[in-house]
Amino acid sequence: MKVVVQRVREARVEVDGVVVGAIGPGLLALVCAEPADTPETGARFLSKLLKLRIFSDAEGKMNRSLVDVQGGLLLVSQFTLAADCSGGNRPSFSSAAPPAQARELYEDLLRQARALHPQVASGVFAADMQVHLVNDGPVTIPMQF
């Protein structure tokens, strides 16, 4: 699983001009499932993400987690994180999980996240989405599981 996490002041996802998911301060996670991923991969990712200390404490140090600040979590499926641009000018996405598997893993990830955290929003799998965000910091962290 490849993930790009962004600390945000706010973020939202629109599909056909309609907001389908939105959060205030918190984390936006762009998620790409890979063929070897399982629901346990998602569980490991969520465990790390919810405890990741990337929010500022009273002294301005990154020392607080999403749970500590009671922030929102916006999960967006993004197969393009699997892009391989080494062969030419057109990216290959062959390392991404096939669509049916990726959908199942994404939906399981959402179920797990909603069971663990009170503020979870999402995009729409395989939709043409417009993601709007105000990156806070900016803080952007790539992760691999």
C-alpha atoms as a PDB file:
ATOM      1  CA  MET A   1       0.000   0.000   0.000  1.00  0.00           C
ATOM      2  CA  LYS A   2       1.340   3.373  -1.020  1.00  0.00           C
ATOM      3  CA  VAL A   3       0.028   6.403   0.826  1.00  0.00           C
ATOM      4  CA  VAL A   4       0.625  10.144   0.752  1.00  0.00           C
ATOM      5  CA  VAL A   5      -0.480  11.836   3.977  1.00  0.00           C
ATOM      6  CA  GLN A   6      -1.050  15.564   4.151  1.00  0.00           C
ATOM      7  CA  ARG A   7      -1.737  17.552   7.288  1.00  0.00           C
ATOM      8  CA  VAL A   8      -4.551  19.911   6.338  1.00  0.00           C
ATOM      9  CA  ARG A   9      -6.481  22.826   7.739  1.00  0.00           C
ATOM     10  CA  GLU A  10      -9.393  21.634   5.635  1.00  0.00           C
ATOM     11  CA  ALA A  11     -10.021  19.290   2.725  1.00  0.00           C
ATOM     12  CA  ARG A  12     -12.930  18.148   0.613  1.00  0.00           C
ATOM     13  CA  VAL A  13     -13.671  15.887  -2.328  1.00  0.00           C
ATOM     14  CA  GLU A  14     -16.183  16.757  -5.032  1.00  0.00           C
ATOM     15  CA  VAL A  15     -17.737  14.487  -7.649  1.00  0.00           C
ATOM     16  CA  ASP A  16     -19.768  16.178 -10.393  1.00  0.00           C
ATOM     17  CA  GLY A  17     -19.733  19.412  -8.385  1.00  0.00           C
ATOM     18  CA  VAL A  18     -21.163  17.756  -5.257  1.00  0.00           C
ATOM     19  CA  VAL A  19     -19.117  17.528  -2.049  1.00  0.00           C
ATOM     20  CA  VAL A  20     -18.954  13.836  -1.126  1.00  0.00           C
ATOM     21  CA  GLY A  21     -16.491  14.093   1.756  1.00  0.00           C
ATOM     22  CA  ALA A  22     -15.058  16.951   3.809  1.00  0.00           C
ATOM     23  CA  ILE A  23     -13.043  17.566   6.954  1.00  0.00           C
ATOM     24  CA  GLY A  24     -11.734  20.519   8.909  1.00  0.00           C
ATOM     25  CA  PRO A  25      -8.279  20.280  10.485  1.00  0.00           C
ATOM     26  CA  GLY A  26      -6.815  16.790  10.220  1.00  0.00           C
ATOM     27  CA  LEU A  27      -5.252  14.436   7.695  1.00  0.00           C
ATOM     28  CA  LEU A  28      -5.900  13.771   4.027  1.00  0.00           C
ATOM     29  CA  ALA A  29      -4.589  10.361   2.995  1.00  0.00           C
ATOM     30  CA  LEU A  30      -4.280   9.458  -0.680  1.00  0.00           C
ATOM     31  CA  VAL A  31      -4.215   5.658  -0.802  1.00  0.00           C
ATOM     32  CA  CYS A  32      -3.073   3.230  -3.506  1.00  0.00           C
ATOM     33  CA  ALA A  33      -3.686  -0.480  -3.037  1.00  0.00           C
ATOM     34  CA  GLU A  34      -1.131  -2.912  -4.425  1.00  0.00           C
ATOM     35  CA  PRO A  35      -1.669  -6.583  -5.378  1.00  0.00           C
ATOM     36  CA  ALA A  36      -0.015  -8.005  -2.226  1.00  0.00           C
ATOM     37  CA  ASP A  37      -2.125  -5.860   0.119  1.00  0.00           C
ATOM     38  CA  THR A  38      -4.623  -7.398   2.519  1.00  0.00           C
ATOM     39  CA  PRO A  39      -7.017  -6.014   5.145  1.00  0.00           C
ATOM     40  CA  GLU A  40      -4.133  -6.478   7.615  1.00  0.00           C
ATOM     41  CA  THR A  41      -2.064  -4.067   5.508  1.00  0.00           C
ATOM     42  CA  GLY A  42      -4.820  -1.503   5.956  1.00  0.00           C
ATOM     43  CA  ALA A  43      -4.944  -2.185   9.701  1.00  0.00           C
ATOM     44  CA  ARG A  44      -1.178  -1.568  10.011  1.00  0.00           C
ATOM     45  CA  PHE A  45      -1.504   1.650   8.028  1.00  0.00           C
ATOM     46  CA  LEU A  46      -4.381   2.931  10.173  1.00  0.00           C
ATOM     47  CA  SER A  47      -2.594   2.047  13.395  1.00  0.00           C
ATOM     48  CA  LYS A  48       0.420   4.087  12.297  1.00  0.00           C
ATOM     49  CA  LEU A  49      -1.613   6.942  10.819  1.00  0.00           C
ATOM     50  CA  LEU A  50      -3.812   7.558  13.854  1.00  0.00           C
ATOM     51  CA  LYS A  51      -0.729   7.690  16.126  1.00  0.00           C
ATOM     52  CA  LEU A  52       1.568   9.612  13.748  1.00  0.00           C
ATOM     53  CA  ARG A  53       2.793  12.628  15.717  1.00  0.00           C
ATOM     54  CA  ILE A  54       2.711  15.368  13.091  1.00  0.00           C
ATOM     55  CA  PHE A  55       0.555  17.983  14.814  1.00  0.00           C
ATOM     56  CA  SER A  56       2.140  20.750  16.861  1.00  0.00           C
ATOM     57  CA  ASP A  57       2.120  20.782  20.635  1.00  0.00           C
ATOM     58  CA  ALA A  58       2.134  23.939  22.797  1.00  0.00           C
ATOM     59  CA  GLU A  59       5.852  24.439  22.052  1.00  0.00           C
ATOM     60  CA  GLY A  60       5.344  24.151  18.291  1.00  0.00           C
ATOM     61  CA  LYS A  61       6.969  20.707  17.990  1.00  0.00           C
ATOM     62  CA  MET A  62       5.341  17.945  15.983  1.00  0.00           C
ATOM     63  CA  ASN A  63       4.375  15.873  18.991  1.00  0.00           C
ATOM     64  CA  ARG A  64       0.622  15.276  18.760  1.00  0.00           C
ATOM     65  CA  SER A  65      -1.349  12.686  16.791  1.00  0.00           C
ATOM     66  CA  LEU A  66      -4.633  12.848  14.918  1.00  0.00           C
ATOM     67  CA  VAL A  67      -6.264  11.191  17.930  1.00  0.00           C
ATOM     68  CA  ASP A  68      -4.700  13.762  20.280  1.00  0.00           C
ATOM     69  CA  VAL A  69      -6.027  16.740  18.292  1.00  0.00           C
ATOM     70  CA  GLN A  70      -9.354  15.037  17.506  1.00  0.00           C
ATOM     71  CA  GLY A  71      -8.928  15.898  13.831  1.00  0.00           C
ATOM     72  CA  GLY A  72     -10.734  14.648  10.776  1.00  0.00           C
ATOM     73  CA  LEU A  73      -9.510  11.926   8.433  1.00  0.00           C
ATOM     74  CA  LEU A  74     -10.255  12.053   4.705  1.00  0.00           C
ATOM     75  CA  LEU A  75      -9.358   8.868   2.794  1.00  0.00           C
ATOM     76  CA  VAL A  76      -9.156   9.070  -1.002  1.00  0.00           C
ATOM     77  CA  SER A  77      -8.338   6.169  -3.300  1.00  0.00           C
ATOM     78  CA  GLN A  78      -5.638   7.165  -5.803  1.00  0.00           C
ATOM     79  CA  PHE A  79      -4.217   4.447  -8.064  1.00  0.00           C
ATOM     80  CA  THR A  80      -1.883   6.954  -9.723  1.00  0.00           C
ATOM     81  CA  LEU A  81       0.463   6.677  -6.728  1.00  0.00           C
ATOM     82  CA  ALA A  82       1.587   3.445  -8.413  1.00  0.00           C
ATOM     83  CA  ALA A  83       2.871   5.382 -11.433  1.00  0.00           C
ATOM     84  CA  ASP A  84       6.069   4.086 -12.994  1.00  0.00           C
ATOM     85  CA  CYS A  85       7.564   6.714 -15.303  1.00  0.00           C
ATOM     86  CA  SER A  86      10.847   4.924 -15.983  1.00  0.00           C
ATOM     87  CA  GLY A  87       9.930   3.462 -19.384  1.00  0.00           C
ATOM     88  CA  GLY A  88       8.860   6.515 -21.306  1.00  0.00           C
ATOM     89  CA  ASN A  89       6.617   9.537 -21.143  1.00  0.00           C
ATOM     90  CA  ARG A  90       3.392   7.703 -20.389  1.00  0.00           C
ATOM     91  CA  PRO A  91       3.187   6.347 -16.827  1.00  0.00           C
ATOM     92  CA  SER A  92       2.462   2.699 -16.231  1.00  0.00           C
ATOM     93  CA  PHE A  93       0.135   1.785 -13.391  1.00  0.00           C
ATOM     94  CA  SER A  94       0.717  -1.965 -13.537  1.00  0.00           C
ATOM     95  CA  SER A  95       1.878  -2.115  -9.915  1.00  0.00           C
ATOM     96  CA  ALA A  96      -1.539  -0.950  -8.665  1.00  0.00           C
ATOM     97  CA  ALA A  97      -3.999  -3.588  -7.481  1.00  0.00           C
ATOM     98  CA  PRO A  98      -6.635  -4.577 -10.066  1.00  0.00           C
ATOM     99  CA  PRO A  99      -9.811  -2.473  -9.710  1.00  0.00           C
ATOM    100  CA  ALA A 100     -11.972  -5.145  -8.010  1.00  0.00           C
ATOM    101  CA  GLN A 101      -9.300  -5.931  -5.429  1.00  0.00           C
ATOM    102  CA  ALA A 102      -8.500  -2.242  -4.899  1.00  0.00           C
ATOM    103  CA  ARG A 103     -12.185  -1.408  -4.325  1.00  0.00           C
ATOM    104  CA  GLU A 104     -12.526  -4.206  -1.773  1.00  0.00           C
ATOM    105  CA  LEU A 105      -9.379  -3.085   0.079  1.00  0.00           C
ATOM    106  CA  TYR A 106     -10.440   0.586   0.034  1.00  0.00           C
ATOM    107  CA  GLU A 107     -13.921  -0.216   1.352  1.00  0.00           C
ATOM    108  CA  ASP A 108     -12.408  -2.401   4.076  1.00  0.00           C
ATOM    109  CA  LEU A 109     -10.003   0.407   4.977  1.00  0.00           C
ATOM    110  CA  LEU A 110     -12.954   2.788   5.332  1.00  0.00           C
ATOM    111  CA  ARG A 111     -14.819   0.317   7.567  1.00  0.00           C
ATOM    112  CA  GLN A 112     -11.774  -0.105   9.775  1.00  0.00           C
ATOM    113  CA  ALA A 113     -11.144   3.646   9.957  1.00  0.00           C
ATOM    114  CA  ARG A 114     -14.748   4.395  10.914  1.00  0.00           C
ATOM    115  CA  ALA A 115     -14.557   1.788  13.676  1.00  0.00           C
ATOM    116  CA  LEU A 116     -11.389   3.372  15.083  1.00  0.00           C
ATOM    117  CA  HIS A 117     -11.884   7.121  14.589  1.00  0.00           C
ATOM    118  CA  PRO A 118     -14.976   9.314  14.995  1.00  0.00           C
ATOM    119  CA  GLN A 119     -14.387  11.682  12.051  1.00  0.00           C
ATOM    120  CA  VAL A 120     -13.817   9.826   8.779  1.00  0.00           C
ATOM    121  CA  ALA A 121     -14.794  11.072   5.340  1.00  0.00           C
ATOM    122  CA  SER A 122     -13.991   9.618   1.928  1.00  0.00           C
ATOM    123  CA  GLY A 123     -13.907  10.077  -1.771  1.00  0.00           C
ATOM    124  CA  VAL A 124     -15.724   7.807  -4.230  1.00  0.00           C
ATOM    125  CA  PHE A 125     -13.765   4.850  -5.556  1.00  0.00           C
ATOM    126  CA  ALA A 126     -12.980   5.129  -9.306  1.00  0.00           C
ATOM    127  CA  ALA A 127     -14.839   8.434  -9.664  1.00  0.00           C
ATOM    128  CA  ASP A 128     -13.440  11.520 -11.356  1.00  0.00           C
ATOM    129  CA  MET A 129     -12.809  13.497  -8.169  1.00  0.00           C
ATOM    130  CA  GLN A 130     -11.672  17.023  -7.487  1.00  0.00           C
ATOM    131  CA  VAL A 131      -9.730  17.161  -4.235  1.00  0.00           C
ATOM    132  CA  HIS A 132      -9.454  20.559  -2.561  1.00  0.00           C
ATOM    133  CA  LEU A 133      -7.146  21.065   0.379  1.00  0.00           C
ATOM    134  CA  VAL A 134      -5.274  23.610   2.397  1.00  0.00           C
ATOM    135  CA  ASN A 135      -2.035  21.901   3.354  1.00  0.00           C
ATOM    136  CA  ASP A 136      -0.963  22.925   6.853  1.00  0.00           C
ATOM    137  CA  GLY A 137       2.759  23.528   7.177  1.00  0.00           C
ATOM    138  CA  PRO A 138       3.054  22.228   4.503  1.00  0.00           C
ATOM    139  CA  VAL A 139       3.376  18.740   5.904  1.00  0.00           C
ATOM    140  CA  THR A 140       3.292  15.955   3.309  1.00  0.00           C
ATOM    141  CA  ILE A 141       4.566  12.475   4.139  1.00  0.00           C
ATOM    142  CA  PRO A 142       4.860   9.527   1.725  1.00  0.00           C
ATOM    143  CA  MET A 143       4.391   6.120   3.344  1.00  0.00           C
ATOM    144  CA  GLN A 144       4.665   2.519   2.167  1.00  0.00           C
ATOM    145  CA  PHE A 145       3.139  -0.542   3.873  1.00  0.00           C
END
